[in-house]
Amino acid sequence: MANIKSQIKRNRQNDKRRGRNKAIRSEINSRVKNALASAESDDNSEEALRLAIKKIDKAASKNILHKNTAARKKSRLTKRLNELNS
């Protein structure tokens, strides 16, 4: 445990940010799973894909995901959905 006041505050900030980032990453994974499930069951797959890409882009813009990681995730997701739909 830190003894310095500024480091105690920094630890609190890091915990808060880690929790926020973890929640956003979890939501991205859920959206991707929903998009794949809707593509398999022929439900609203375009809408699910749009929501998943929106969450990925937002995470990349807030530096939660690296921009290349976001691009890779979007590319792989659309590729898998196109394979399922064809």
Protein backbone atom coordinates (compact mmCIF):
# COMPACT_ATOMS: atom_id res chain seq x y z
CA MET A 1 0.00 0.00 0.00
CA ALA A 2 1.26 3.44 -0.89
CA ASN A 3 2.14 5.97 1.81
CA ILE A 4 2.34 9.03 -0.42
CA LYS A 5 -0.86 11.00 -0.71
CA SER A 6 -0.58 11.54 -4.46
CA GLN A 7 0.06 7.84 -5.06
CA ILE A 8 -3.00 6.90 -2.99
CA LYS A 9 -5.10 9.16 -5.21
CA ARG A 10 -3.45 7.75 -8.34
CA ASN A 11 -4.34 4.22 -7.20
CA ARG A 12 -7.97 5.25 -6.71
CA GLN A 13 -8.06 6.78 -10.18
CA ASN A 14 -6.50 3.70 -11.74
CA ASP A 15 -9.04 1.40 -10.06
CA LYS A 16 -11.92 3.52 -11.31
CA ARG A 17 -10.53 3.64 -14.86
CA ARG A 18 -9.76 -0.08 -14.91
CA GLY A 19 -13.34 -0.87 -13.92
CA ARG A 20 -14.73 1.46 -16.58
CA ASN A 21 -12.46 0.03 -19.28
CA LYS A 22 -13.32 -3.54 -18.28
CA ALA A 23 -17.04 -2.80 -18.54
CA ILE A 24 -16.62 -1.31 -22.01
CA ARG A 25 -14.51 -4.24 -23.22
CA SER A 26 -17.10 -6.65 -21.84
CA GLU A 27 -19.86 -4.79 -23.65
CA ILE A 28 -17.91 -5.00 -26.91
CA ASN A 29 -17.58 -8.77 -26.51
CA SER A 30 -21.31 -9.06 -25.77
CA ARG A 31 -22.22 -7.00 -28.84
CA VAL A 32 -19.98 -9.15 -31.04
CA LYS A 33 -21.58 -12.32 -29.69
CA ASN A 34 -25.05 -10.86 -30.25
CA ALA A 35 -24.16 -9.96 -33.84
CA LEU A 36 -22.90 -13.47 -34.54
CA ALA A 37 -25.94 -15.06 -32.90
CA SER A 38 -28.34 -12.88 -34.84
CA ALA A 39 -26.56 -13.70 -38.10
CA GLU A 40 -26.90 -17.42 -37.39
CA SER A 41 -30.60 -17.12 -36.60
CA ASP A 42 -31.25 -14.67 -39.48
CA ASP A 43 -32.61 -12.00 -37.16
CA ASN A 44 -31.71 -8.32 -37.32
CA SER A 45 -28.06 -8.98 -38.20
CA GLU A 46 -27.39 -5.61 -39.88
CA GLU A 47 -28.60 -3.75 -36.80
CA ALA A 48 -26.56 -5.96 -34.45
CA LEU A 49 -23.47 -5.46 -36.62
CA ARG A 50 -24.01 -1.70 -36.63
CA LEU A 51 -24.25 -1.59 -32.84
CA ALA A 52 -21.14 -3.73 -32.41
CA ILE A 53 -19.11 -1.55 -34.77
CA LYS A 54 -20.40 1.57 -33.04
CA LYS A 55 -19.19 0.31 -29.65
CA ILE A 56 -15.81 -0.71 -31.08
CA ASP A 57 -15.34 2.70 -32.71
CA LYS A 58 -16.31 4.53 -29.55
CA ALA A 59 -13.83 2.49 -27.48
CA ALA A 60 -11.10 3.25 -30.02
CA SER A 61 -11.87 6.96 -29.95
CA LYS A 62 -11.54 6.97 -26.15
CA ASN A 63 -8.24 5.03 -26.30
CA ILE A 64 -9.69 1.98 -24.58
CA LEU A 65 -8.78 -0.04 -27.65
CA HIS A 66 -5.91 0.75 -29.98
CA LYS A 67 -7.13 1.93 -33.38
CA ASN A 68 -5.55 -1.05 -35.16
CA THR A 69 -7.13 -3.46 -32.69
CA ALA A 70 -10.51 -1.87 -33.36
CA ALA A 71 -9.98 -2.12 -37.12
CA ARG A 72 -8.99 -5.78 -36.78
CA LYS A 73 -12.04 -6.60 -34.65
CA LYS A 74 -14.39 -4.87 -37.11
CA SER A 75 -12.77 -6.59 -40.08
CA ARG A 76 -12.97 -10.05 -38.56
CA LEU A 77 -16.55 -9.53 -37.43
CA THR A 78 -17.79 -8.37 -40.83
CA LYS A 79 -15.87 -11.19 -42.52
CA ARG A 80 -17.52 -13.80 -40.28
CA LEU A 81 -20.97 -12.29 -40.76
CA ASN A 82 -20.52 -12.24 -44.54
CA GLU A 83 -19.54 -15.91 -44.45
CA LEU A 84 -22.60 -16.77 -42.37
CA ASN A 85 -24.96 -14.77 -44.58
CA SER A 86 -23.71 -16.15 -47.88
